[in-house]
Amino acid sequence: MAVNSSHQKLVAWQEAMRLVEMIYRDTKGFPRDELFGLTTQMRRAAISVPSNIAEGAARNSSGELVQFLGIANGSMAELETQLELAVRLGYMRADANIFEQLSRVGQLLVALRKSVRARSVR
């Protein structure tokens, strides 16, 4: 896929998309009775992250982008909680690569928000 849209050039969006892919792969192995529970919740929270980055980037102002990055950050907190629950229930290992990716995306979101805020103050 060619990188055309402004959001697709953002490393935070690219890494968030990788996180979504990882969540989909890892939740495939969850018990069938979790299909409409934890599996769906984790997938929705994960999808929300790059979706909000994209929506914010498509808006008209830096303030709106910061707002949508905040929403993406909230989805990250939801996903972190759900991942912790999946570990506690024995559906995932605590040392899974997904936790490293979650941390990476979180750091990128914080840095992007900080950068956008600094640019809008100038």
PDB file of N, CA and C in Angstrom:
ATOM      1  N   MET A   1       0.845  -1.175   0.000  1.00  0.00           N
ATOM      2  CA  MET A   1       0.000   0.000   0.000  1.00  0.00           C
ATOM      3  C   MET A   1       0.890   1.237   0.000  1.00  0.00           C
ATOM      4  N   ALA A   2       0.582   2.154  -0.853  1.00  0.00           N
ATOM      5  CA  ALA A   2       1.347   3.400  -0.960  1.00  0.00           C
ATOM      6  C   ALA A   2       0.979   4.329   0.197  1.00  0.00           C
ATOM      7  N   VAL A   3       1.960   5.053   0.661  1.00  0.00           N
ATOM      8  CA  VAL A   3       1.723   6.021   1.735  1.00  0.00           C
ATOM      9  C   VAL A   3       1.326   7.347   1.092  1.00  0.00           C
ATOM     10  N   ASN A   4       0.048   7.692   1.197  1.00  0.00           N
ATOM     11  CA  ASN A   4      -0.472   8.902   0.563  1.00  0.00           C
ATOM     12  C   ASN A   4      -1.008   9.916   1.561  1.00  0.00           C
ATOM     13  N   SER A   5      -1.774   9.460   2.529  1.00  0.00           N
ATOM     14  CA  SER A   5      -2.408  10.360   3.476  1.00  0.00           C
ATOM     15  C   SER A   5      -1.417  10.817   4.524  1.00  0.00           C
ATOM     16  N   SER A   6      -1.668  11.998   5.084  1.00  0.00           N
ATOM     17  CA  SER A   6      -0.750  12.549   6.074  1.00  0.00           C
ATOM     18  C   SER A   6      -0.619  11.638   7.296  1.00  0.00           C
ATOM     19  N   HIS A   7      -1.721  11.005   7.705  1.00  0.00           N
ATOM     20  CA  HIS A   7      -1.644  10.139   8.886  1.00  0.00           C
ATOM     21  C   HIS A   7      -0.782   8.904   8.634  1.00  0.00           C
ATOM     22  N   GLN A   8      -0.735   8.452   7.392  1.00  0.00           N
ATOM     23  CA  GLN A   8       0.053   7.258   7.076  1.00  0.00           C
ATOM     24  C   GLN A   8       1.555   7.516   7.179  1.00  0.00           C
ATOM     25  N   LYS A   9       1.934   8.764   7.153  1.00  0.00           N
ATOM     26  CA  LYS A   9       3.346   9.122   7.292  1.00  0.00           C
ATOM     27  C   LYS A   9       3.773   9.192   8.750  1.00  0.00           C
ATOM     28  N   LEU A  10       2.822   9.213   9.664  1.00  0.00           N
ATOM     29  CA  LEU A  10       3.129   9.316  11.093  1.00  0.00           C
ATOM     30  C   LEU A  10       3.588   7.960  11.633  1.00  0.00           C
ATOM     31  N   VAL A  11       4.746   7.950  12.255  1.00  0.00           N
ATOM     32  CA  VAL A  11       5.287   6.711  12.826  1.00  0.00           C
ATOM     33  C   VAL A  11       4.326   6.155  13.882  1.00  0.00           C
ATOM     34  N   ALA A  12       3.690   7.037  14.634  1.00  0.00           N
ATOM     35  CA  ALA A  12       2.738   6.590  15.659  1.00  0.00           C
ATOM     36  C   ALA A  12       1.600   5.796  15.015  1.00  0.00           C
ATOM     37  N   TRP A  13       1.098   6.255  13.887  1.00  0.00           N
ATOM     38  CA  TRP A  13       0.027   5.538  13.179  1.00  0.00           C
ATOM     39  C   TRP A  13       0.542   4.199  12.658  1.00  0.00           C
ATOM     40  N   GLN A  14       1.714   4.200  12.054  1.00  0.00           N
ATOM     41  CA  GLN A  14       2.298   2.974  11.503  1.00  0.00           C
ATOM     42  C   GLN A  14       2.477   1.915  12.594  1.00  0.00           C
ATOM     43  N   GLU A  15       3.014   2.337  13.733  1.00  0.00           N
ATOM     44  CA  GLU A  15       3.240   1.396  14.835  1.00  0.00           C
ATOM     45  C   GLU A  15       1.925   0.961  15.479  1.00  0.00           C
ATOM     46  N   ALA A  16       0.941   1.859  15.524  1.00  0.00           N
ATOM     47  CA  ALA A  16      -0.380   1.497  16.042  1.00  0.00           C
ATOM     48  C   ALA A  16      -1.031   0.450  15.140  1.00  0.00           C
ATOM     49  N   MET A  17      -0.823   0.568  13.845  1.00  0.00           N
ATOM     50  CA  MET A  17      -1.348  -0.444  12.915  1.00  0.00           C
ATOM     51  C   MET A  17      -0.689  -1.802  13.170  1.00  0.00           C
ATOM     52  N   ARG A  18       0.604  -1.803  13.451  1.00  0.00           N
ATOM     53  CA  ARG A  18       1.288  -3.057  13.799  1.00  0.00           C
ATOM     54  C   ARG A  18       0.695  -3.651  15.078  1.00  0.00           C
ATOM     55  N   LEU A  19       0.379  -2.780  16.028  1.00  0.00           N
ATOM     56  CA  LEU A  19      -0.228  -3.234  17.273  1.00  0.00           C
ATOM     57  C   LEU A  19      -1.578  -3.908  17.000  1.00  0.00           C
ATOM     58  N   VAL A  20      -2.380  -3.319  16.145  1.00  0.00           N
ATOM     59  CA  VAL A  20      -3.677  -3.906  15.789  1.00  0.00           C
ATOM     60  C   VAL A  20      -3.472  -5.293  15.178  1.00  0.00           C
ATOM     61  N   GLU A  21      -2.525  -5.403  14.262  1.00  0.00           N
ATOM     62  CA  GLU A  21      -2.242  -6.702  13.649  1.00  0.00           C
ATOM     63  C   GLU A  21      -1.864  -7.738  14.708  1.00  0.00           C
ATOM     64  N   MET A  22      -1.034  -7.330  15.659  1.00  0.00           N
ATOM     65  CA  MET A  22      -0.609  -8.239  16.725  1.00  0.00           C
ATOM     66  C   MET A  22      -1.792  -8.661  17.594  1.00  0.00           C
ATOM     67  N   ILE A  23      -2.659  -7.706  17.909  1.00  0.00           N
ATOM     68  CA  ILE A  23      -3.839  -8.023  18.730  1.00  0.00           C
ATOM     69  C   ILE A  23      -4.727  -9.027  18.003  1.00  0.00           C
ATOM     70  N   TYR A  24      -4.963  -8.810  16.727  1.00  0.00           N
ATOM     71  CA  TYR A  24      -5.798  -9.754  15.974  1.00  0.00           C
ATOM     72  C   TYR A  24      -5.187 -11.150  15.972  1.00  0.00           C
ATOM     73  N   ARG A  25      -3.877 -11.231  15.753  1.00  0.00           N
ATOM     74  CA  ARG A  25      -3.216 -12.543  15.743  1.00  0.00           C
ATOM     75  C   ARG A  25      -3.284 -13.205  17.118  1.00  0.00           C
ATOM     76  N   ASP A  26      -2.979 -12.433  18.154  1.00  0.00           N
ATOM     77  CA  ASP A  26      -2.934 -13.011  19.497  1.00  0.00           C
ATOM     78  C   ASP A  26      -4.308 -13.390  20.035  1.00  0.00           C
ATOM     79  N   THR A  27      -5.343 -12.663  19.660  1.00  0.00           N
ATOM     80  CA  THR A  27      -6.682 -12.995  20.168  1.00  0.00           C
ATOM     81  C   THR A  27      -7.333 -14.146  19.411  1.00  0.00           C
ATOM     82  N   LYS A  28      -6.761 -14.545  18.288  1.00  0.00           N
ATOM     83  CA  LYS A  28      -7.291 -15.717  17.564  1.00  0.00           C
ATOM     84  C   LYS A  28      -7.281 -16.963  18.436  1.00  0.00           C
ATOM     85  N   GLY A  29      -6.306 -17.031  19.343  1.00  0.00           N
ATOM     86  CA  GLY A  29      -6.174 -18.207  20.196  1.00  0.00           C
ATOM     87  C   GLY A  29      -6.992 -18.157  21.480  1.00  0.00           C
ATOM     88  N   PHE A  30      -7.734 -17.079  21.677  1.00  0.00           N
ATOM     89  CA  PHE A  30      -8.558 -16.981  22.885  1.00  0.00           C
ATOM     90  C   PHE A  30      -9.707 -17.991  22.810  1.00  0.00           C
ATOM     91  N   PRO A  31     -10.240 -18.386  23.961  1.00  0.00           N
ATOM     92  CA  PRO A  31     -11.371 -19.332  23.959  1.00  0.00           C
ATOM     93  C   PRO A  31     -12.561 -18.773  23.181  1.00  0.00           C
ATOM     94  N   ARG A  32     -13.301 -19.672  22.562  1.00  0.00           N
ATOM     95  CA  ARG A  32     -14.469 -19.253  21.760  1.00  0.00           C
ATOM     96  C   ARG A  32     -15.495 -18.482  22.589  1.00  0.00           C
ATOM     97  N   ASP A  33     -15.603 -18.817  23.869  1.00  0.00           N
ATOM     98  CA  ASP A  33     -16.593 -18.113  24.689  1.00  0.00           C
ATOM     99  C   ASP A  33     -16.189 -16.671  24.993  1.00  0.00           C
ATOM    100  N   GLU A  34     -14.982 -16.286  24.597  1.00  0.00           N
ATOM    101  CA  GLU A  34     -14.534 -14.898  24.743  1.00  0.00           C
ATOM    102  C   GLU A  34     -14.721 -14.094  23.451  1.00  0.00           C
ATOM    103  N   LEU A  35     -15.247 -14.729  22.402  1.00  0.00           N
ATOM    104  CA  LEU A  35     -15.385 -14.057  21.111  1.00  0.00           C
ATOM    105  C   LEU A  35     -16.152 -12.742  21.227  1.00  0.00           C
ATOM    106  N   PHE A  36     -17.224 -12.735  21.992  1.00  0.00           N
ATOM    107  CA  PHE A  36     -18.028 -11.515  22.127  1.00  0.00           C
ATOM    108  C   PHE A  36     -17.727 -10.784  23.430  1.00  0.00           C
ATOM    109  N   GLY A  37     -16.657 -11.182  24.096  1.00  0.00           N
ATOM    110  CA  GLY A  37     -16.243 -10.539  25.332  1.00  0.00           C
ATOM    111  C   GLY A  37     -14.898  -9.869  25.157  1.00  0.00           C
ATOM    112  N   LEU A  38     -13.896 -10.445  25.757  1.00  0.00           N
ATOM    113  CA  LEU A  38     -12.566  -9.852  25.787  1.00  0.00           C
ATOM    114  C   LEU A  38     -11.957  -9.716  24.394  1.00  0.00           C
ATOM    115  N   THR A  39     -12.163 -10.698  23.539  1.00  0.00           N
ATOM    116  CA  THR A  39     -11.603 -10.636  22.180  1.00  0.00           C
ATOM    117  C   THR A  39     -12.103  -9.397  21.451  1.00  0.00           C
ATOM    118  N   THR A  40     -13.400  -9.201  21.441  1.00  0.00           N
ATOM    119  CA  THR A  40     -14.001  -8.055  20.755  1.00  0.00           C
ATOM    120  C   THR A  40     -13.562  -6.741  21.384  1.00  0.00           C
ATOM    121  N   GLN A  41     -13.540  -6.687  22.711  1.00  0.00           N
ATOM    122  CA  GLN A  41     -13.142  -5.456  23.401  1.00  0.00           C
ATOM    123  C   GLN A  41     -11.702  -5.079  23.073  1.00  0.00           C
ATOM    124  N   MET A  42     -10.815  -6.066  23.073  1.00  0.00           N
ATOM    125  CA  MET A  42      -9.409  -5.796  22.780  1.00  0.00           C
ATOM    126  C   MET A  42      -9.232  -5.330  21.339  1.00  0.00           C
ATOM    127  N   ARG A  43      -9.925  -5.960  20.433  1.00  0.00           N
ATOM    128  CA  ARG A  43      -9.817  -5.570  19.028  1.00  0.00           C
ATOM    129  C   ARG A  43     -10.356  -4.165  18.808  1.00  0.00           C
ATOM    130  N   ARG A  44     -11.469  -3.838  19.432  1.00  0.00           N
ATOM    131  CA  ARG A  44     -12.038  -2.489  19.278  1.00  0.00           C
ATOM    132  C   ARG A  44     -11.120  -1.420  19.856  1.00  0.00           C
ATOM    133  N   ALA A  45     -10.569  -1.691  21.032  1.00  0.00           N
ATOM    134  CA  ALA A  45      -9.659  -0.721  21.650  1.00  0.00           C
ATOM    135  C   ALA A  45      -8.424  -0.531  20.777  1.00  0.00           C
ATOM    136  N   ALA A  46      -7.888  -1.636  20.249  1.00  0.00           N
ATOM    137  CA  ALA A  46      -6.691  -1.555  19.404  1.00  0.00           C
ATOM    138  C   ALA A  46      -6.978  -0.774  18.131  1.00  0.00           C
ATOM    139  N   ILE A  47      -8.092  -1.057  17.489  1.00  0.00           N
ATOM    140  CA  ILE A  47      -8.460  -0.369  16.237  1.00  0.00           C
ATOM    141  C   ILE A  47      -8.683   1.117  16.477  1.00  0.00           C
ATOM    142  N   SER A  48      -9.157   1.453  17.650  1.00  0.00           N
ATOM    143  CA  SER A  48      -9.422   2.848  17.990  1.00  0.00           C
ATOM    144  C   SER A  48      -8.159   3.710  17.960  1.00  0.00           C
ATOM    145  N   VAL A  49      -7.016   3.113  18.256  1.00  0.00           N
ATOM    146  CA  VAL A  49      -5.781   3.902  18.337  1.00  0.00           C
ATOM    147  C   VAL A  49      -5.398   4.486  16.978  1.00  0.00           C
ATOM    148  N   PRO A  50      -5.123   3.667  15.938  1.00  0.00           N
ATOM    149  CA  PRO A  50      -4.758   4.272  14.657  1.00  0.00           C
ATOM    150  C   PRO A  50      -5.918   5.035  14.015  1.00  0.00           C
ATOM    151  N   SER A  51      -7.146   4.617  14.307  1.00  0.00           N
ATOM    152  CA  SER A  51      -8.308   5.315  13.748  1.00  0.00           C
ATOM    153  C   SER A  51      -8.387   6.748  14.259  1.00  0.00           C
ATOM    154  N   ASN A  52      -8.144   6.939  15.548  1.00  0.00           N
ATOM    155  CA  ASN A  52      -8.179   8.289  16.114  1.00  0.00           C
ATOM    156  C   ASN A  52      -6.993   9.128  15.677  1.00  0.00           C
ATOM    157  N   ILE A  53      -5.848   8.505  15.493  1.00  0.00           N
ATOM    158  CA  ILE A  53      -4.700   9.240  14.947  1.00  0.00           C
ATOM    159  C   ILE A  53      -5.052   9.742  13.551  1.00  0.00           C
ATOM    160  N   ALA A  54      -5.628   8.875  12.733  1.00  0.00           N
ATOM    161  CA  ALA A  54      -5.998   9.242  11.363  1.00  0.00           C
ATOM    162  C   ALA A  54      -7.065  10.334  11.355  1.00  0.00           C
ATOM    163  N   GLU A  55      -8.091  10.178  12.190  1.00  0.00           N
ATOM    164  CA  GLU A  55      -9.155  11.183  12.214  1.00  0.00           C
ATOM    165  C   GLU A  55      -8.623  12.536  12.678  1.00  0.00           C
ATOM    166  N   GLY A  56      -7.787  12.527  13.699  1.00  0.00           N
ATOM    167  CA  GLY A  56      -7.215  13.780  14.181  1.00  0.00           C
ATOM    168  C   GLY A  56      -6.354  14.457  13.140  1.00  0.00           C
ATOM    169  N   ALA A  57      -5.574  13.664  12.409  1.00  0.00           N
ATOM    170  CA  ALA A  57      -4.704  14.218  11.360  1.00  0.00           C
ATOM    171  C   ALA A  57      -5.518  14.805  10.214  1.00  0.00           C
ATOM    172  N   ALA A  58      -6.723  14.308  10.024  1.00  0.00           N
ATOM    173  CA  ALA A  58      -7.578  14.784   8.934  1.00  0.00           C
ATOM    174  C   ALA A  58      -8.387  16.018   9.320  1.00  0.00           C
ATOM    175  N   ARG A  59      -8.333  16.400  10.576  1.00  0.00           N
ATOM    176  CA  ARG A  59      -9.101  17.558  11.041  1.00  0.00           C
ATOM    177  C   ARG A  59      -8.419  18.862  10.663  1.00  0.00           C
ATOM    178  N   ASN A  60      -9.068  19.954  11.025  1.00  0.00           N
ATOM    179  CA  ASN A  60      -8.640  21.272  10.571  1.00  0.00           C
ATOM    180  C   ASN A  60      -7.642  21.994  11.462  1.00  0.00           C
ATOM    181  N   SER A  61      -7.408  21.496  12.664  1.00  0.00           N
ATOM    182  CA  SER A  61      -6.538  22.263  13.556  1.00  0.00           C
ATOM    183  C   SER A  61      -5.658  21.350  14.403  1.00  0.00           C
ATOM    184  N   SER A  62      -4.593  21.939  14.908  1.00  0.00           N
ATOM    185  CA  SER A  62      -3.697  21.226  15.811  1.00  0.00           C
ATOM    186  C   SER A  62      -4.432  20.832  17.086  1.00  0.00           C
ATOM    187  N   GLY A  63      -5.310  21.701  17.539  1.00  0.00           N
ATOM    188  CA  GLY A  63      -6.085  21.412  18.752  1.00  0.00           C
ATOM    189  C   GLY A  63      -6.928  20.158  18.602  1.00  0.00           C
ATOM    190  N   GLU A  64      -7.535  20.004  17.424  1.00  0.00           N
ATOM    191  CA  GLU A  64      -8.339  18.805  17.187  1.00  0.00           C
ATOM    192  C   GLU A  64      -7.454  17.567  17.123  1.00  0.00           C
ATOM    193  N   LEU A  65      -6.285  17.682  16.512  1.00  0.00           N
ATOM    194  CA  LEU A  65      -5.359  16.551  16.464  1.00  0.00           C
ATOM    195  C   LEU A  65      -4.960  16.152  17.880  1.00  0.00           C
ATOM    196  N   VAL A  66      -4.633  17.124  18.717  1.00  0.00           N
ATOM    197  CA  VAL A  66      -4.270  16.835  20.108  1.00  0.00           C
ATOM    198  C   VAL A  66      -5.423  16.128  20.824  1.00  0.00           C
ATOM    199  N   GLN A  67      -6.648  16.586  20.570  1.00  0.00           N
ATOM    200  CA  GLN A  67      -7.823  15.964  21.189  1.00  0.00           C
ATOM    201  C   GLN A  67      -7.939  14.495  20.771  1.00  0.00           C
ATOM    202  N   PHE A  68      -7.802  14.210  19.496  1.00  0.00           N
ATOM    203  CA  PHE A  68      -7.928  12.829  19.014  1.00  0.00           C
ATOM    204  C   PHE A  68      -6.751  11.960  19.465  1.00  0.00           C
ATOM    205  N   LEU A  69      -5.582  12.548  19.616  1.00  0.00           N
ATOM    206  CA  LEU A  69      -4.449  11.799  20.160  1.00  0.00           C
ATOM    207  C   LEU A  69      -4.716  11.442  21.621  1.00  0.00           C
ATOM    208  N   GLY A  70      -5.422  12.319  22.316  1.00  0.00           N
ATOM    209  CA  GLY A  70      -5.827  12.021  23.689  1.00  0.00           C
ATOM    210  C   GLY A  70      -6.800  10.852  23.751  1.00  0.00           C
ATOM    211  N   ILE A  71      -7.724  10.816  22.807  1.00  0.00           N
ATOM    212  CA  ILE A  71      -8.668   9.697  22.735  1.00  0.00           C
ATOM    213  C   ILE A  71      -7.915   8.404  22.434  1.00  0.00           C
ATOM    214  N   ALA A  72      -6.953   8.474  21.505  1.00  0.00           N
ATOM    215  CA  ALA A  72      -6.133   7.302  21.182  1.00  0.00           C
ATOM    216  C   ALA A  72      -5.387   6.832  22.423  1.00  0.00           C
ATOM    217  N   ASN A  73      -4.899   7.775  23.210  1.00  0.00           N
ATOM    218  CA  ASN A  73      -4.192   7.431  24.439  1.00  0.00           C
ATOM    219  C   ASN A  73      -5.120   6.736  25.432  1.00  0.00           C
ATOM    220  N   GLY A  74      -6.355   7.176  25.492  1.00  0.00           N
ATOM    221  CA  GLY A  74      -7.351   6.521  26.344  1.00  0.00           C
ATOM    222  C   GLY A  74      -7.607   5.086  25.899  1.00  0.00           C
ATOM    223  N   SER A  75      -7.660   4.885  24.600  1.00  0.00           N
ATOM    224  CA  SER A  75      -7.837   3.526  24.071  1.00  0.00           C
ATOM    225  C   SER A  75      -6.647   2.651  24.411  1.00  0.00           C
ATOM    226  N   MET A  76      -5.467   3.266  24.445  1.00  0.00           N
ATOM    227  CA  MET A  76      -4.266   2.524  24.843  1.00  0.00           C
ATOM    228  C   MET A  76      -4.396   2.041  26.291  1.00  0.00           C
ATOM    229  N   ALA A  77      -4.921   2.891  27.173  1.00  0.00           N
ATOM    230  CA  ALA A  77      -5.108   2.508  28.574  1.00  0.00           C
ATOM    231  C   ALA A  77      -6.118   1.364  28.693  1.00  0.00           C
ATOM    232  N   GLU A  78      -7.185   1.441  27.905  1.00  0.00           N
ATOM    233  CA  GLU A  78      -8.161   0.346  27.879  1.00  0.00           C
ATOM    234  C   GLU A  78      -7.489  -0.952  27.449  1.00  0.00           C
ATOM    235  N   LEU A  79      -6.735  -0.873  26.370  1.00  0.00           N
ATOM    236  CA  LEU A  79      -6.083  -2.060  25.826  1.00  0.00           C
ATOM    237  C   LEU A  79      -5.076  -2.639  26.816  1.00  0.00           C
ATOM    238  N   GLU A  80      -4.348  -1.767  27.490  1.00  0.00           N
ATOM    239  CA  GLU A  80      -3.383  -2.234  28.488  1.00  0.00           C
ATOM    240  C   GLU A  80      -4.098  -3.014  29.596  1.00  0.00           C
ATOM    241  N   THR A  81      -5.232  -2.506  30.037  1.00  0.00           N
ATOM    242  CA  THR A  81      -6.022  -3.176  31.062  1.00  0.00           C
ATOM    243  C   THR A  81      -6.519  -4.532  30.569  1.00  0.00           C
ATOM    244  N   GLN A  82      -6.998  -4.565  29.346  1.00  0.00           N
ATOM    245  CA  GLN A  82      -7.511  -5.806  28.771  1.00  0.00           C
ATOM    246  C   GLN A  82      -6.397  -6.834  28.568  1.00  0.00           C
ATOM    247  N   LEU A  83      -5.219  -6.370  28.170  1.00  0.00           N
ATOM    248  CA  LEU A  83      -4.079  -7.273  28.033  1.00  0.00           C
ATOM    249  C   LEU A  83      -3.692  -7.863  29.382  1.00  0.00           C
ATOM    250  N   GLU A  84      -3.683  -7.029  30.402  1.00  0.00           N
ATOM    251  CA  GLU A  84      -3.374  -7.507  31.749  1.00  0.00           C
ATOM    252  C   GLU A  84      -4.378  -8.575  32.178  1.00  0.00           C
ATOM    253  N   LEU A  85      -5.641  -8.351  31.885  1.00  0.00           N
ATOM    254  CA  LEU A  85      -6.670  -9.331  32.213  1.00  0.00           C
ATOM    255  C   LEU A  85      -6.443 -10.629  31.444  1.00  0.00           C
ATOM    256  N   ALA A  86      -6.092 -10.520  30.172  1.00  0.00           N
ATOM    257  CA  ALA A  86      -5.834 -11.717  29.361  1.00  0.00           C
ATOM    258  C   ALA A  86      -4.687 -12.529  29.952  1.00  0.00           C
ATOM    259  N   VAL A  87      -3.684 -11.853  30.469  1.00  0.00           N
ATOM    260  CA  VAL A  87      -2.564 -12.553  31.123  1.00  0.00           C
ATOM    261  C   VAL A  87      -3.055 -13.237  32.395  1.00  0.00           C
ATOM    262  N   ARG A  88      -3.812 -12.502  33.202  1.00  0.00           N
ATOM    263  CA  ARG A  88      -4.311 -13.067  34.462  1.00  0.00           C
ATOM    264  C   ARG A  88      -5.213 -14.272  34.237  1.00  0.00           C
ATOM    265  N   LEU A  89      -5.934 -14.269  33.113  1.00  0.00           N
ATOM    266  CA  LEU A  89      -6.826 -15.396  32.795  1.00  0.00           C
ATOM    267  C   LEU A  89      -6.085 -16.538  32.100  1.00  0.00           C
ATOM    268  N   GLY A  90      -4.815 -16.323  31.801  1.00  0.00           N
ATOM    269  CA  GLY A  90      -4.012 -17.372  31.180  1.00  0.00           C
ATOM    270  C   GLY A  90      -4.165 -17.461  29.670  1.00  0.00           C
ATOM    271  N   TYR A  91      -4.724 -16.435  29.042  1.00  0.00           N
ATOM    272  CA  TYR A  91      -4.898 -16.440  27.588  1.00  0.00           C
ATOM    273  C   TYR A  91      -3.640 -15.992  26.859  1.00  0.00           C
ATOM    274  N   MET A  92      -2.759 -15.264  27.572  1.00  0.00           N
ATOM    275  CA  MET A  92      -1.517 -14.749  26.991  1.00  0.00           C
ATOM    276  C   MET A  92      -0.410 -14.868  28.017  1.00  0.00           C
ATOM    277  N   ARG A  93       0.831 -14.867  27.529  1.00  0.00           N
ATOM    278  CA  ARG A  93       1.992 -14.829  28.419  1.00  0.00           C
ATOM    279  C   ARG A  93       2.350 -13.373  28.721  1.00  0.00           C
ATOM    280  N   ALA A  94       2.836 -13.135  29.916  1.00  0.00           N
ATOM    281  CA  ALA A  94       3.199 -11.774  30.328  1.00  0.00           C
ATOM    282  C   ALA A  94       4.390 -11.236  29.552  1.00  0.00           C
ATOM    283  N   ASP A  95       5.197 -12.112  28.979  1.00  0.00           N
ATOM    284  CA  ASP A  95       6.384 -11.658  28.261  1.00  0.00           C
ATOM    285  C   ASP A  95       6.130 -11.488  26.755  1.00  0.00           C
ATOM    286  N   ALA A  96       4.889 -11.456  26.378  1.00  0.00           N
ATOM    287  CA  ALA A  96       4.532 -11.353  24.967  1.00  0.00           C
ATOM    288  C   ALA A  96       5.070 -10.058  24.353  1.00  0.00           C
ATOM    289  N   ASN A  97       5.481 -10.137  23.084  1.00  0.00           N
ATOM    290  CA  ASN A  97       5.984  -8.965  22.348  1.00  0.00           C
ATOM    291  C   ASN A  97       4.962  -7.841  22.271  1.00  0.00           C
ATOM    292  N   ILE A  98       3.714  -8.195  22.440  1.00  0.00           N
ATOM    293  CA  ILE A  98       2.654  -7.196  22.323  1.00  0.00           C
ATOM    294  C   ILE A  98       2.798  -6.099  23.382  1.00  0.00           C
ATOM    295  N   PHE A  99       3.323  -6.459  24.553  1.00  0.00           N
ATOM    296  CA  PHE A  99       3.507  -5.461  25.611  1.00  0.00           C
ATOM    297  C   PHE A  99       4.593  -4.462  25.228  1.00  0.00           C
ATOM    298  N   GLU A 100       5.615  -4.936  24.542  1.00  0.00           N
ATOM    299  CA  GLU A 100       6.661  -4.031  24.047  1.00  0.00           C
ATOM    300  C   GLU A 100       6.084  -3.083  23.003  1.00  0.00           C
ATOM    301  N   GLN A 101       5.253  -3.613  22.120  1.00  0.00           N
ATOM    302  CA  GLN A 101       4.644  -2.776  21.080  1.00  0.00           C
ATOM    303  C   GLN A 101       3.682  -1.776  21.700  1.00  0.00           C
ATOM    304  N   LEU A 102       2.934  -2.195  22.700  1.00  0.00           N
ATOM    305  CA  LEU A 102       2.018  -1.295  23.404  1.00  0.00           C
ATOM    306  C   LEU A 102       2.787  -0.133  24.014  1.00  0.00           C
ATOM    307  N   SER A 103       3.900  -0.436  24.630  1.00  0.00           N
ATOM    308  CA  SER A 103       4.733   0.604  25.232  1.00  0.00           C
ATOM    309  C   SER A 103       5.282   1.543  24.164  1.00  0.00           C
ATOM    310  N   ARG A 104       5.734   0.983  23.059  1.00  0.00           N
ATOM    311  CA  ARG A 104       6.275   1.797  21.965  1.00  0.00           C
ATOM    312  C   ARG A 104       5.221   2.764  21.429  1.00  0.00           C
ATOM    313  N   VAL A 105       4.040   2.262  21.171  1.00  0.00           N
ATOM    314  CA  VAL A 105       2.970   3.117  20.649  1.00  0.00           C
ATOM    315  C   VAL A 105       2.615   4.194  21.671  1.00  0.00           C
ATOM    316  N   GLY A 106       2.565   3.835  22.936  1.00  0.00           N
ATOM    317  CA  GLY A 106       2.271   4.812  23.978  1.00  0.00           C
ATOM    318  C   GLY A 106       3.293   5.938  24.005  1.00  0.00           C
ATOM    319  N   GLN A 107       4.557   5.578  23.905  1.00  0.00           N
ATOM    320  CA  GLN A 107       5.619   6.588  23.891  1.00  0.00           C
ATOM    321  C   GLN A 107       5.506   7.485  22.663  1.00  0.00           C
ATOM    322  N   LEU A 108       5.201   6.895  21.526  1.00  0.00           N
ATOM    323  CA  LEU A 108       5.057   7.676  20.295  1.00  0.00           C
ATOM    324  C   LEU A 108       3.879   8.638  20.383  1.00  0.00           C
ATOM    325  N   LEU A 109       2.779   8.193  20.972  1.00  0.00           N
ATOM    326  CA  LEU A 109       1.611   9.063  21.132  1.00  0.00           C
ATOM    327  C   LEU A 109       1.935  10.258  22.023  1.00  0.00           C
ATOM    328  N   VAL A 110       2.618   9.990  23.127  1.00  0.00           N
ATOM    329  CA  VAL A 110       2.993  11.083  24.041  1.00  0.00           C
ATOM    330  C   VAL A 110       3.904  12.075  23.324  1.00  0.00           C
ATOM    331  N   ALA A 111       4.884  11.567  22.599  1.00  0.00           N
ATOM    332  CA  ALA A 111       5.827  12.443  21.883  1.00  0.00           C
ATOM    333  C   ALA A 111       5.115  13.243  20.796  1.00  0.00           C
ATOM    334  N   LEU A 112       4.196  12.608  20.074  1.00  0.00           N
ATOM    335  CA  LEU A 112       3.463  13.302  19.015  1.00  0.00           C
ATOM    336  C   LEU A 112       2.577  14.401  19.598  1.00  0.00           C
ATOM    337  N   ARG A 113       1.880  14.107  20.682  1.00  0.00           N
ATOM    338  CA  ARG A 113       1.038  15.124  21.325  1.00  0.00           C
ATOM    339  C   ARG A 113       1.877  16.308  21.772  1.00  0.00           C
ATOM    340  N   LYS A 114       3.012  16.017  22.378  1.00  0.00           N
ATOM    341  CA  LYS A 114       3.910  17.065  22.855  1.00  0.00           C
ATOM    342  C   LYS A 114       4.398  17.912  21.677  1.00  0.00           C
ATOM    343  N   SER A 115       4.762  17.283  20.586  1.00  0.00           N
ATOM    344  CA  SER A 115       5.253  17.973  19.397  1.00  0.00           C
ATOM    345  C   SER A 115       4.172  18.868  18.781  1.00  0.00           C
ATOM    346  N   VAL A 116       2.968  18.331  18.665  1.00  0.00           N
ATOM    347  CA  VAL A 116       1.871  19.103  18.072  1.00  0.00           C
ATOM    348  C   VAL A 116       1.542  20.304  18.952  1.00  0.00           C
ATOM    349  N   ARG A 117       1.509  20.095  20.259  1.00  0.00           N
ATOM    350  CA  ARG A 117       1.256  21.215  21.176  1.00  0.00           C
ATOM    351  C   ARG A 117       2.311  22.280  21.063  1.00  0.00           C
ATOM    352  N   ALA A 118       3.569  21.874  20.989  1.00  0.00           N
ATOM    353  CA  ALA A 118       4.690  22.845  20.884  1.00  0.00           C
ATOM    354  C   ALA A 118       4.595  23.629  19.593  1.00  0.00           C
ATOM    355  N   ARG A 119       4.239  22.974  18.504  1.00  0.00           N
ATOM    356  CA  ARG A 119       4.102  23.674  17.203  1.00  0.00           C
ATOM    357  C   ARG A 119       2.961  24.645  17.213  1.00  0.00           C
ATOM    358  N   SER A 120       1.873  24.309  17.897  1.00  0.00           N
ATOM    359  CA  SER A 120       0.695  25.187  17.877  1.00  0.00           C
ATOM    360  C   SER A 120       0.880  26.411  18.767  1.00  0.00           C
ATOM    361  N   VAL A 121       1.827  26.364  19.703  1.00  0.00           N
ATOM    362  CA  VAL A 121       2.088  27.509  20.591  1.00  0.00           C
ATOM    363  C   VAL A 121       2.904  28.567  19.846  1.00  0.00           C
ATOM    364  N   ARG A 122       3.715  28.164  18.917  1.00  0.00           N
ATOM    365  CA  ARG A 122       4.590  29.103  18.197  1.00  0.00           C
ATOM    366  C   ARG A 122       3.853  30.108  17.398  1.00  0.00           C
TER     367      ARG A 122
END
